[in-house]
ModelCIF file with pLDDT and N, C-alpha, C, O atoms, coordinates in Angstrom:
data_MODEL
#
_entry.id   MODEL 
#
_entity.id                         1 
_entity.type                       polymer 
_entity.pdbx_number_of_molecules   1 
#
_entity_poly.entity_id                      1 
_entity_poly.type                           'polypeptide(L)' 
_entity_poly.nstd_linkage                   no 
_entity_poly.nstd_monomer                   no 
_entity_poly.pdbx_seq_one_letter_code       SGQGTITNADGDFRFVAADTAHVRISFVGYETVNLPVSRLQPVVKL 
_entity_poly.pdbx_seq_one_letter_code_can   SGQGTITNADGDFRFVAADTAHVRISFVGYETVNLPVSRLQPVVKL 
_entity_poly.pdbx_strand_id                 A 
#
loop_
_entity_poly_seq.entity_id 
_entity_poly_seq.num 
_entity_poly_seq.mon_id 
_entity_poly_seq.hetero 
1 1  SER n 
1 2  GLY n 
1 3  GLN n 
1 4  GLY n 
1 5  THR n 
1 6  ILE n 
1 7  THR n 
1 8  ASN n 
1 9  ALA n 
1 10 ASP n 
1 11 GLY n 
1 12 ASP n 
1 13 PHE n 
1 14 ARG n 
1 15 PHE n 
1 16 VAL n 
1 17 ALA n 
1 18 ALA n 
1 19 ASP n 
1 20 THR n 
1 21 ALA n 
1 22 HIS n 
1 23 VAL n 
1 24 ARG n 
1 25 ILE n 
1 26 SER n 
1 27 PHE n 
1 28 VAL n 
1 29 GLY n 
1 30 TYR n 
1 31 GLU n 
1 32 THR n 
1 33 VAL n 
1 34 ASN n 
1 35 LEU n 
1 36 PRO n 
1 37 VAL n 
1 38 SER n 
1 39 ARG n 
1 40 LEU n 
1 41 GLN n 
1 42 PRO n 
1 43 VAL n 
1 44 VAL n 
1 45 LYS n 
1 46 LEU n 
#
_struct_asym.id          A 
_struct_asym.entity_id   1 
#
loop_
_ma_qa_metric.id 
_ma_qa_metric.mode 
_ma_qa_metric.name 
_ma_qa_metric.software_group_id 
_ma_qa_metric.type 
1 global pLDDT . pLDDT 
2 local  pLDDT . pLDDT 
#
_ma_qa_metric_global.metric_id      1 
_ma_qa_metric_global.metric_value   89.93 
_ma_qa_metric_global.model_id       1 
_ma_qa_metric_global.ordinal_id     1 
#
loop_
_ma_qa_metric_local.label_asym_id 
_ma_qa_metric_local.label_comp_id 
_ma_qa_metric_local.label_seq_id 
_ma_qa_metric_local.metric_id 
_ma_qa_metric_local.metric_value 
_ma_qa_metric_local.model_id 
_ma_qa_metric_local.ordinal_id 
A SER 1  2 78.00 1 1  
A GLY 2  2 79.00 1 2  
A GLN 3  2 81.00 1 3  
A GLY 4  2 85.00 1 4  
A THR 5  2 90.00 1 5  
A ILE 6  2 93.00 1 6  
A THR 7  2 95.00 1 7  
A ASN 8  2 93.00 1 8  
A ALA 9  2 92.00 1 9  
A ASP 10 2 94.00 1 10 
A GLY 11 2 94.00 1 11 
A ASP 12 2 96.00 1 12 
A PHE 13 2 94.00 1 13 
A ARG 14 2 92.00 1 14 
A PHE 15 2 88.00 1 15 
A VAL 16 2 87.00 1 16 
A ALA 17 2 87.00 1 17 
A ALA 18 2 87.00 1 18 
A ASP 19 2 85.00 1 19 
A THR 20 2 87.00 1 20 
A ALA 21 2 88.00 1 21 
A HIS 22 2 89.00 1 22 
A VAL 23 2 91.00 1 23 
A ARG 24 2 91.00 1 24 
A ILE 25 2 93.00 1 25 
A SER 26 2 91.00 1 26 
A PHE 27 2 92.00 1 27 
A VAL 28 2 89.00 1 28 
A GLY 29 2 88.00 1 29 
A TYR 30 2 91.00 1 30 
A GLU 31 2 90.00 1 31 
A THR 32 2 90.00 1 32 
A VAL 33 2 90.00 1 33 
A ASN 34 2 90.00 1 34 
A LEU 35 2 88.00 1 35 
A PRO 36 2 91.00 1 36 
A VAL 37 2 89.00 1 37 
A SER 38 2 87.00 1 38 
A ARG 39 2 89.00 1 39 
A LEU 40 2 90.00 1 40 
A GLN 41 2 91.00 1 41 
A PRO 42 2 93.00 1 42 
A VAL 43 2 95.00 1 43 
A VAL 44 2 95.00 1 44 
A LYS 45 2 95.00 1 45 
A LEU 46 2 94.00 1 46 
#
loop_
_atom_site.group_PDB 
_atom_site.id 
_atom_site.type_symbol 
_atom_site.label_atom_id 
_atom_site.label_alt_id 
_atom_site.label_comp_id 
_atom_site.label_asym_id 
_atom_site.label_entity_id 
_atom_site.label_seq_id 
_atom_site.pdbx_PDB_ins_code 
_atom_site.Cartn_x 
_atom_site.Cartn_y 
_atom_site.Cartn_z 
_atom_site.occupancy 
_atom_site.B_iso_or_equiv 
_atom_site.pdbx_formal_charge 
_atom_site.auth_seq_id 
_atom_site.auth_comp_id 
_atom_site.auth_asym_id 
_atom_site.auth_atom_id 
_atom_site.pdbx_PDB_model_num 
ATOM 1   N N  . SER A 1 1  ? -19.894 4.907  19.178 1.00 78.00 ? 1  SER A N  1 
ATOM 2   C CA . SER A 1 1  ? -18.653 5.177  19.905 1.00 78.00 ? 1  SER A CA 1 
ATOM 3   C C  . SER A 1 1  ? -17.974 6.450  19.424 1.00 78.00 ? 1  SER A C  1 
ATOM 4   O O  . SER A 1 1  ? -16.899 6.805  19.906 1.00 78.00 ? 1  SER A O  1 
ATOM 5   N N  . GLY A 1 2  ? -18.603 7.140  18.468 1.00 79.00 ? 2  GLY A N  1 
ATOM 6   C CA . GLY A 1 2  ? -18.115 8.459  18.067 1.00 79.00 ? 2  GLY A CA 1 
ATOM 7   C C  . GLY A 1 2  ? -17.456 8.527  16.717 1.00 79.00 ? 2  GLY A C  1 
ATOM 8   O O  . GLY A 1 2  ? -17.266 9.626  16.197 1.00 79.00 ? 2  GLY A O  1 
ATOM 9   N N  . GLN A 1 3  ? -17.092 7.397  16.113 1.00 81.00 ? 3  GLN A N  1 
ATOM 10  C CA . GLN A 1 3  ? -16.428 7.422  14.822 1.00 81.00 ? 3  GLN A CA 1 
ATOM 11  C C  . GLN A 1 3  ? -17.453 7.565  13.699 1.00 81.00 ? 3  GLN A C  1 
ATOM 12  O O  . GLN A 1 3  ? -18.643 7.315  13.890 1.00 81.00 ? 3  GLN A O  1 
ATOM 13  N N  . GLY A 1 4  ? -16.975 7.966  12.541 1.00 85.00 ? 4  GLY A N  1 
ATOM 14  C CA . GLY A 1 4  ? -17.880 8.116  11.405 1.00 85.00 ? 4  GLY A CA 1 
ATOM 15  C C  . GLY A 1 4  ? -17.138 8.238  10.103 1.00 85.00 ? 4  GLY A C  1 
ATOM 16  O O  . GLY A 1 4  ? -15.947 8.549  10.080 1.00 85.00 ? 4  GLY A O  1 
ATOM 17  N N  . THR A 1 5  ? -17.844 7.992  9.014  1.00 90.00 ? 5  THR A N  1 
ATOM 18  C CA . THR A 1 5  ? -17.275 8.142  7.682  1.00 90.00 ? 5  THR A CA 1 
ATOM 19  C C  . THR A 1 5  ? -18.437 8.184  6.695  1.00 90.00 ? 5  THR A C  1 
ATOM 20  O O  . THR A 1 5  ? -19.591 8.328  7.097  1.00 90.00 ? 5  THR A O  1 
ATOM 21  N N  . ILE A 1 6  ? -18.136 8.060  5.420  1.00 93.00 ? 6  ILE A N  1 
ATOM 22  C CA . ILE A 1 6  ? -19.138 7.929  4.369  1.00 93.00 ? 6  ILE A CA 1 
ATOM 23  C C  . ILE A 1 6  ? -18.712 6.802  3.443  1.00 93.00 ? 6  ILE A C  1 
ATOM 24  O O  . ILE A 1 6  ? -17.546 6.408  3.429  1.00 93.00 ? 6  ILE A O  1 
ATOM 25  N N  . THR A 1 7  ? -19.652 6.288  2.673  1.00 95.00 ? 7  THR A N  1 
ATOM 26  C CA . THR A 1 7  ? -19.287 5.299  1.669  1.00 95.00 ? 7  THR A CA 1 
ATOM 27  C C  . THR A 1 7  ? -18.640 6.008  0.486  1.00 95.00 ? 7  THR A C  1 
ATOM 28  O O  . THR A 1 7  ? -18.917 7.178  0.226  1.00 95.00 ? 7  THR A O  1 
ATOM 29  N N  . ASN A 1 8  ? -17.775 5.288  -0.230 1.00 93.00 ? 8  ASN A N  1 
ATOM 30  C CA . ASN A 1 8  ? -17.184 5.874  -1.425 1.00 93.00 ? 8  ASN A CA 1 
ATOM 31  C C  . ASN A 1 8  ? -18.117 5.691  -2.619 1.00 93.00 ? 8  ASN A C  1 
ATOM 32  O O  . ASN A 1 8  ? -19.262 5.268  -2.456 1.00 93.00 ? 8  ASN A O  1 
ATOM 33  N N  . ALA A 1 9  ? -17.631 6.007  -3.816 1.00 92.00 ? 9  ALA A N  1 
ATOM 34  C CA . ALA A 1 9  ? -18.485 5.930  -5.000 1.00 92.00 ? 9  ALA A CA 1 
ATOM 35  C C  . ALA A 1 9  ? -18.968 4.514  -5.278 1.00 92.00 ? 9  ALA A C  1 
ATOM 36  O O  . ALA A 1 9  ? -19.993 4.325  -5.933 1.00 92.00 ? 9  ALA A O  1 
ATOM 37  N N  . ASP A 1 10 ? -18.229 3.507  -4.781 1.00 94.00 ? 10 ASP A N  1 
ATOM 38  C CA . ASP A 1 10 ? -18.617 2.106  -4.969 1.00 94.00 ? 10 ASP A CA 1 
ATOM 39  C C  . ASP A 1 10 ? -19.490 1.593  -3.835 1.00 94.00 ? 10 ASP A C  1 
ATOM 40  O O  . ASP A 1 10 ? -19.848 0.415  -3.819 1.00 94.00 ? 10 ASP A O  1 
ATOM 41  N N  . GLY A 1 11 ? -19.843 2.468  -2.873 1.00 94.00 ? 11 GLY A N  1 
ATOM 42  C CA . GLY A 1 11 ? -20.676 2.058  -1.756 1.00 94.00 ? 11 GLY A CA 1 
ATOM 43  C C  . GLY A 1 11 ? -19.919 1.438  -0.597 1.00 94.00 ? 11 GLY A C  1 
ATOM 44  O O  . GLY A 1 11 ? -20.543 0.969  0.355  1.00 94.00 ? 11 GLY A O  1 
ATOM 45  N N  . ASP A 1 12 ? -18.579 1.420  -0.647 1.00 96.00 ? 12 ASP A N  1 
ATOM 46  C CA . ASP A 1 12 ? -17.776 0.781  0.393  1.00 96.00 ? 12 ASP A CA 1 
ATOM 47  C C  . ASP A 1 12 ? -17.392 1.773  1.491  1.00 96.00 ? 12 ASP A C  1 
ATOM 48  O O  . ASP A 1 12 ? -17.209 2.962  1.229  1.00 96.00 ? 12 ASP A O  1 
ATOM 49  N N  . PHE A 1 13 ? -17.274 1.273  2.717  1.00 94.00 ? 13 PHE A N  1 
ATOM 50  C CA . PHE A 1 13 ? -16.749 2.090  3.809  1.00 94.00 ? 13 PHE A CA 1 
ATOM 51  C C  . PHE A 1 13 ? -15.877 1.228  4.703  1.00 94.00 ? 13 PHE A C  1 
ATOM 52  O O  . PHE A 1 13 ? -15.993 0.002  4.718  1.00 94.00 ? 13 PHE A O  1 
ATOM 53  N N  . ARG A 1 14 ? -14.990 1.898  5.457  1.00 92.00 ? 14 ARG A N  1 
ATOM 54  C CA . ARG A 1 14 ? -14.118 1.208  6.400  1.00 92.00 ? 14 ARG A CA 1 
ATOM 55  C C  . ARG A 1 14 ? -13.662 2.207  7.452  1.00 92.00 ? 14 ARG A C  1 
ATOM 56  O O  . ARG A 1 14 ? -13.203 3.296  7.108  1.00 92.00 ? 14 ARG A O  1 
ATOM 57  N N  . PHE A 1 15 ? -13.780 1.859  8.717  1.00 88.00 ? 15 PHE A N  1 
ATOM 58  C CA . PHE A 1 15 ? -13.266 2.675  9.807  1.00 88.00 ? 15 PHE A CA 1 
ATOM 59  C C  . PHE A 1 15 ? -13.158 1.819  11.062 1.00 88.00 ? 15 PHE A C  1 
ATOM 60  O O  . PHE A 1 15 ? -13.638 0.686  11.092 1.00 88.00 ? 15 PHE A O  1 
ATOM 61  N N  . VAL A 1 16 ? -12.536 2.356  12.081 1.00 87.00 ? 16 VAL A N  1 
ATOM 62  C CA . VAL A 1 16 ? -12.325 1.628  13.334 1.00 87.00 ? 16 VAL A CA 1 
ATOM 63  C C  . VAL A 1 16 ? -13.336 2.109  14.362 1.00 87.00 ? 16 VAL A C  1 
ATOM 64  O O  . VAL A 1 16 ? -13.507 3.312  14.559 1.00 87.00 ? 16 VAL A O  1 
ATOM 65  N N  . ALA A 1 17 ? -14.016 1.153  15.025 1.00 87.00 ? 17 ALA A N  1 
ATOM 66  C CA . ALA A 1 17 ? -15.023 1.499  16.023 1.00 87.00 ? 17 ALA A CA 1 
ATOM 67  C C  . ALA A 1 17 ? -14.960 0.495  17.173 1.00 87.00 ? 17 ALA A C  1 
ATOM 68  O O  . ALA A 1 17 ? -14.363 -0.575 17.052 1.00 87.00 ? 17 ALA A O  1 
ATOM 69  N N  . ALA A 1 18 ? -15.582 0.861  18.279 1.00 87.00 ? 18 ALA A N  1 
ATOM 70  C CA . ALA A 1 18 ? -15.632 -0.033 19.427 1.00 87.00 ? 18 ALA A CA 1 
ATOM 71  C C  . ALA A 1 18 ? -16.449 -1.273 19.102 1.00 87.00 ? 18 ALA A C  1 
ATOM 72  O O  . ALA A 1 18 ? -17.440 -1.199 18.375 1.00 87.00 ? 18 ALA A O  1 
ATOM 73  N N  . ASP A 1 19 ? -16.032 -2.411 19.641 1.00 85.00 ? 19 ASP A N  1 
ATOM 74  C CA . ASP A 1 19 ? -16.698 -3.679 19.354 1.00 85.00 ? 19 ASP A CA 1 
ATOM 75  C C  . ASP A 1 19 ? -18.134 -3.699 19.854 1.00 85.00 ? 19 ASP A C  1 
ATOM 76  O O  . ASP A 1 19 ? -18.966 -4.442 19.335 1.00 85.00 ? 19 ASP A O  1 
ATOM 77  N N  . THR A 1 20 ? -18.424 -2.881 20.863 1.00 87.00 ? 20 THR A N  1 
ATOM 78  C CA . THR A 1 20 ? -19.773 -2.849 21.436 1.00 87.00 ? 20 THR A CA 1 
ATOM 79  C C  . THR A 1 20 ? -20.668 -1.785 20.802 1.00 87.00 ? 20 THR A C  1 
ATOM 80  O O  . THR A 1 20 ? -21.827 -1.634 21.186 1.00 87.00 ? 20 THR A O  1 
ATOM 81  N N  . ALA A 1 21 ? -20.129 -1.052 19.836 1.00 88.00 ? 21 ALA A N  1 
ATOM 82  C CA . ALA A 1 21 ? -20.870 0.066  19.243 1.00 88.00 ? 21 ALA A CA 1 
ATOM 83  C C  . ALA A 1 21 ? -21.948 -0.422 18.284 1.00 88.00 ? 21 ALA A C  1 
ATOM 84  O O  . ALA A 1 21 ? -21.930 -1.564 17.826 1.00 88.00 ? 21 ALA A O  1 
ATOM 85  N N  . HIS A 1 22 ? -22.877 0.466  17.997 1.00 89.00 ? 22 HIS A N  1 
ATOM 86  C CA . HIS A 1 22 ? -23.867 0.273  16.945 1.00 89.00 ? 22 HIS A CA 1 
ATOM 87  C C  . HIS A 1 22 ? -23.496 1.187  15.775 1.00 89.00 ? 22 HIS A C  1 
ATOM 88  O O  . HIS A 1 22 ? -22.976 2.285  15.974 1.00 89.00 ? 22 HIS A O  1 
ATOM 89  N N  . VAL A 1 23 ? -23.765 0.726  14.573 1.00 91.00 ? 23 VAL A N  1 
ATOM 90  C CA . VAL A 1 23 ? -23.487 1.504  13.361 1.00 91.00 ? 23 VAL A CA 1 
ATOM 91  C C  . VAL A 1 23 ? -24.809 1.964  12.766 1.00 91.00 ? 23 VAL A C  1 
ATOM 92  O O  . VAL A 1 23 ? -25.740 1.179  12.586 1.00 91.00 ? 23 VAL A O  1 
ATOM 93  N N  . ARG A 1 24 ? -24.865 3.255  12.468 1.00 91.00 ? 24 ARG A N  1 
ATOM 94  C CA . ARG A 1 24 ? -26.077 3.838  11.870 1.00 91.00 ? 24 ARG A CA 1 
ATOM 95  C C  . ARG A 1 24 ? -25.748 4.253  10.436 1.00 91.00 ? 24 ARG A C  1 
ATOM 96  O O  . ARG A 1 24 ? -24.839 5.051  10.208 1.00 91.00 ? 24 ARG A O  1 
ATOM 97  N N  . ILE A 1 25 ? -26.490 3.710  9.476  1.00 93.00 ? 25 ILE A N  1 
ATOM 98  C CA . ILE A 1 25 ? -26.259 3.988  8.053  1.00 93.00 ? 25 ILE A CA 1 
ATOM 99  C C  . ILE A 1 25 ? -27.511 4.630  7.486  1.00 93.00 ? 25 ILE A C  1 
ATOM 100 O O  . ILE A 1 25 ? -28.601 4.064  7.570  1.00 93.00 ? 25 ILE A O  1 
ATOM 101 N N  . SER A 1 26 ? -27.349 5.822  6.903  1.00 91.00 ? 26 SER A N  1 
ATOM 102 C CA . SER A 1 26 ? -28.514 6.541  6.392  1.00 91.00 ? 26 SER A CA 1 
ATOM 103 C C  . SER A 1 26 ? -28.233 7.105  5.007  1.00 91.00 ? 26 SER A C  1 
ATOM 104 O O  . SER A 1 26 ? -27.098 7.443  4.669  1.00 91.00 ? 26 SER A O  1 
ATOM 105 N N  . PHE A 1 27 ? -29.286 7.198  4.222  1.00 92.00 ? 27 PHE A N  1 
ATOM 106 C CA . PHE A 1 27 ? -29.219 7.743  2.868  1.00 92.00 ? 27 PHE A CA 1 
ATOM 107 C C  . PHE A 1 27 ? -30.605 8.280  2.534  1.00 92.00 ? 27 PHE A C  1 
ATOM 108 O O  . PHE A 1 27 ? -31.606 7.596  2.749  1.00 92.00 ? 27 PHE A O  1 
ATOM 109 N N  . VAL A 1 28 ? -30.665 9.481  2.018  1.00 89.00 ? 28 VAL A N  1 
ATOM 110 C CA . VAL A 1 28 ? -31.950 10.104 1.723  1.00 89.00 ? 28 VAL A CA 1 
ATOM 111 C C  . VAL A 1 28 ? -32.749 9.239  0.747  1.00 89.00 ? 28 VAL A C  1 
ATOM 112 O O  . VAL A 1 28 ? -32.243 8.827  -0.297 1.00 89.00 ? 28 VAL A O  1 
ATOM 113 N N  . GLY A 1 29 ? -33.996 8.975  1.106  1.00 88.00 ? 29 GLY A N  1 
ATOM 114 C CA . GLY A 1 29 ? -34.856 8.151  0.270  1.00 88.00 ? 29 GLY A CA 1 
ATOM 115 C C  . GLY A 1 29 ? -34.837 6.681  0.642  1.00 88.00 ? 29 GLY A C  1 
ATOM 116 O O  . GLY A 1 29 ? -35.511 5.868  0.009  1.00 88.00 ? 29 GLY A O  1 
ATOM 117 N N  . TYR A 1 30 ? -34.048 6.328  1.692  1.00 91.00 ? 30 TYR A N  1 
ATOM 118 C CA . TYR A 1 30 ? -33.955 4.939  2.135  1.00 91.00 ? 30 TYR A CA 1 
ATOM 119 C C  . TYR A 1 30 ? -34.193 4.861  3.639  1.00 91.00 ? 30 TYR A C  1 
ATOM 120 O O  . TYR A 1 30 ? -33.988 5.836  4.362  1.00 91.00 ? 30 TYR A O  1 
ATOM 121 N N  . GLU A 1 31 ? -34.627 3.696  4.098  1.00 90.00 ? 31 GLU A N  1 
ATOM 122 C CA . GLU A 1 31 ? -34.831 3.507  5.516  1.00 90.00 ? 31 GLU A CA 1 
ATOM 123 C C  . GLU A 1 31 ? -33.488 3.375  6.229  1.00 90.00 ? 31 GLU A C  1 
ATOM 124 O O  . GLU A 1 31 ? -32.603 2.653  5.770  1.00 90.00 ? 31 GLU A O  1 
ATOM 125 N N  . THR A 1 32 ? -33.341 4.074  7.345  1.00 90.00 ? 32 THR A N  1 
ATOM 126 C CA . THR A 1 32 ? -32.098 4.053  8.108  1.00 90.00 ? 32 THR A CA 1 
ATOM 127 C C  . THR A 1 32 ? -31.909 2.699  8.778  1.00 90.00 ? 32 THR A C  1 
ATOM 128 O O  . THR A 1 32 ? -32.867 2.092  9.256  1.00 90.00 ? 32 THR A O  1 
ATOM 129 N N  . VAL A 1 33 ? -30.662 2.231  8.809  1.00 90.00 ? 33 VAL A N  1 
ATOM 130 C CA . VAL A 1 33 ? -30.323 0.949  9.420  1.00 90.00 ? 33 VAL A CA 1 
ATOM 131 C C  . VAL A 1 33 ? -29.457 1.189  10.651 1.00 90.00 ? 33 VAL A C  1 
ATOM 132 O O  . VAL A 1 33 ? -28.487 1.945  10.588 1.00 90.00 ? 33 VAL A O  1 
ATOM 133 N N  . ASN A 1 34 ? -29.798 0.555  11.767 1.00 90.00 ? 34 ASN A N  1 
ATOM 134 C CA . ASN A 1 34 ? -29.001 0.569  12.987 1.00 90.00 ? 34 ASN A CA 1 
ATOM 135 C C  . ASN A 1 34 ? -28.632 -0.864 13.330 1.00 90.00 ? 34 ASN A C  1 
ATOM 136 O O  . ASN A 1 34 ? -29.505 -1.695 13.582 1.00 90.00 ? 34 ASN A O  1 
ATOM 137 N N  . LEU A 1 35 ? -27.322 -1.153 13.339 1.00 88.00 ? 35 LEU A N  1 
ATOM 138 C CA . LEU A 1 35 ? -26.867 -2.515 13.578 1.00 88.00 ? 35 LEU A CA 1 
ATOM 139 C C  . LEU A 1 35 ? -25.730 -2.531 14.588 1.00 88.00 ? 35 LEU A C  1 
ATOM 140 O O  . LEU A 1 35 ? -24.897 -1.625 14.582 1.00 88.00 ? 35 LEU A O  1 
ATOM 141 N N  . PRO A 1 36 ? -25.671 -3.551 15.466 1.00 91.00 ? 36 PRO A N  1 
ATOM 142 C CA . PRO A 1 36 ? -24.477 -3.729 16.295 1.00 91.00 ? 36 PRO A CA 1 
ATOM 143 C C  . PRO A 1 36 ? -23.290 -4.067 15.405 1.00 91.00 ? 36 PRO A C  1 
ATOM 144 O O  . PRO A 1 36 ? -23.448 -4.743 14.388 1.00 91.00 ? 36 PRO A O  1 
ATOM 145 N N  . VAL A 1 37 ? -22.118 -3.607 15.777 1.00 89.00 ? 37 VAL A N  1 
ATOM 146 C CA . VAL A 1 37 ? -20.919 -3.893 14.991 1.00 89.00 ? 37 VAL A CA 1 
ATOM 147 C C  . VAL A 1 37 ? -20.749 -5.396 14.798 1.00 89.00 ? 37 VAL A C  1 
ATOM 148 O O  . VAL A 1 37 ? -20.347 -5.846 13.725 1.00 89.00 ? 37 VAL A O  1 
ATOM 149 N N  . SER A 1 38 ? -21.051 -6.161 15.827 1.00 87.00 ? 38 SER A N  1 
ATOM 150 C CA . SER A 1 38 ? -20.864 -7.611 15.767 1.00 87.00 ? 38 SER A CA 1 
ATOM 151 C C  . SER A 1 38 ? -21.780 -8.288 14.747 1.00 87.00 ? 38 SER A C  1 
ATOM 152 O O  . SER A 1 38 ? -21.502 -9.409 14.322 1.00 87.00 ? 38 SER A O  1 
ATOM 153 N N  . ARG A 1 39 ? -22.859 -7.630 14.353 1.00 89.00 ? 39 ARG A N  1 
ATOM 154 C CA . ARG A 1 39 ? -23.816 -8.224 13.409 1.00 89.00 ? 39 ARG A CA 1 
ATOM 155 C C  . ARG A 1 39 ? -23.709 -7.639 12.006 1.00 89.00 ? 39 ARG A C  1 
ATOM 156 O O  . ARG A 1 39 ? -24.513 -7.969 11.134 1.00 89.00 ? 39 ARG A O  1 
ATOM 157 N N  . LEU A 1 40 ? -22.742 -6.792 11.787 1.00 90.00 ? 40 LEU A N  1 
ATOM 158 C CA . LEU A 1 40 ? -22.602 -6.144 10.481 1.00 90.00 ? 40 LEU A CA 1 
ATOM 159 C C  . LEU A 1 40 ? -22.124 -7.156 9.438  1.00 90.00 ? 40 LEU A C  1 
ATOM 160 O O  . LEU A 1 40 ? -21.108 -7.821 9.637  1.00 90.00 ? 40 LEU A O  1 
ATOM 161 N N  . GLN A 1 41 ? -22.850 -7.270 8.337  1.00 91.00 ? 41 GLN A N  1 
ATOM 162 C CA . GLN A 1 41 ? -22.505 -8.190 7.264  1.00 91.00 ? 41 GLN A CA 1 
ATOM 163 C C  . GLN A 1 41 ? -21.644 -7.483 6.209  1.00 91.00 ? 41 GLN A C  1 
ATOM 164 O O  . GLN A 1 41 ? -21.624 -6.253 6.158  1.00 91.00 ? 41 GLN A O  1 
ATOM 165 N N  . PRO A 1 42 ? -20.934 -8.247 5.366  1.00 93.00 ? 42 PRO A N  1 
ATOM 166 C CA . PRO A 1 42 ? -20.107 -7.628 4.312  1.00 93.00 ? 42 PRO A CA 1 
ATOM 167 C C  . PRO A 1 42 ? -20.905 -6.737 3.362  1.00 93.00 ? 42 PRO A C  1 
ATOM 168 O O  . PRO A 1 42 ? -20.375 -5.774 2.808  1.00 93.00 ? 42 PRO A O  1 
ATOM 169 N N  . VAL A 1 43 ? -22.183 -7.070 3.181  1.00 95.00 ? 43 VAL A N  1 
ATOM 170 C CA . VAL A 1 43 ? -23.054 -6.268 2.317  1.00 95.00 ? 43 VAL A CA 1 
ATOM 171 C C  . VAL A 1 43 ? -24.270 -5.839 3.135  1.00 95.00 ? 43 VAL A C  1 
ATOM 172 O O  . VAL A 1 43 ? -24.964 -6.670 3.720  1.00 95.00 ? 43 VAL A O  1 
ATOM 173 N N  . VAL A 1 44 ? -24.517 -4.529 3.167  1.00 95.00 ? 44 VAL A N  1 
ATOM 174 C CA . VAL A 1 44 ? -25.669 -3.984 3.880  1.00 95.00 ? 44 VAL A CA 1 
ATOM 175 C C  . VAL A 1 44 ? -26.669 -3.482 2.851  1.00 95.00 ? 44 VAL A C  1 
ATOM 176 O O  . VAL A 1 44 ? -26.344 -2.627 2.027  1.00 95.00 ? 44 VAL A O  1 
ATOM 177 N N  . LYS A 1 45 ? -27.880 -4.009 2.897  1.00 95.00 ? 45 LYS A N  1 
ATOM 178 C CA . LYS A 1 45 ? -28.922 -3.620 1.955  1.00 95.00 ? 45 LYS A CA 1 
ATOM 179 C C  . LYS A 1 45 ? -29.856 -2.604 2.606  1.00 95.00 ? 45 LYS A C  1 
ATOM 180 O O  . LYS A 1 45 ? -30.479 -2.887 3.630  1.00 95.00 ? 45 LYS A O  1 
ATOM 181 N N  . LEU A 1 46 ? -29.946 -1.430 2.007  1.00 94.00 ? 46 LEU A N  1 
ATOM 182 C CA . LEU A 1 46 ? -30.892 -0.422 2.478  1.00 94.00 ? 46 LEU A CA 1 
ATOM 183 C C  . LEU A 1 46 ? -32.172 -0.522 1.660  1.00 94.00 ? 46 LEU A C  1 
ATOM 184 O O  . LEU A 1 46 ? -33.112 0.239  1.889  1.00 94.00 ? 46 LEU A O  1 
#
């Protein structure tokens, strides 16, 4: 839906996005994760 951010030093992130959006989380050396906002868990394991 166009929003974005980065995780902080503790790995946490927070932002506002559309309920129907998908979240893409990427980090060099890890497999990229694409999840619907509705399925996002409190802890995301890459």
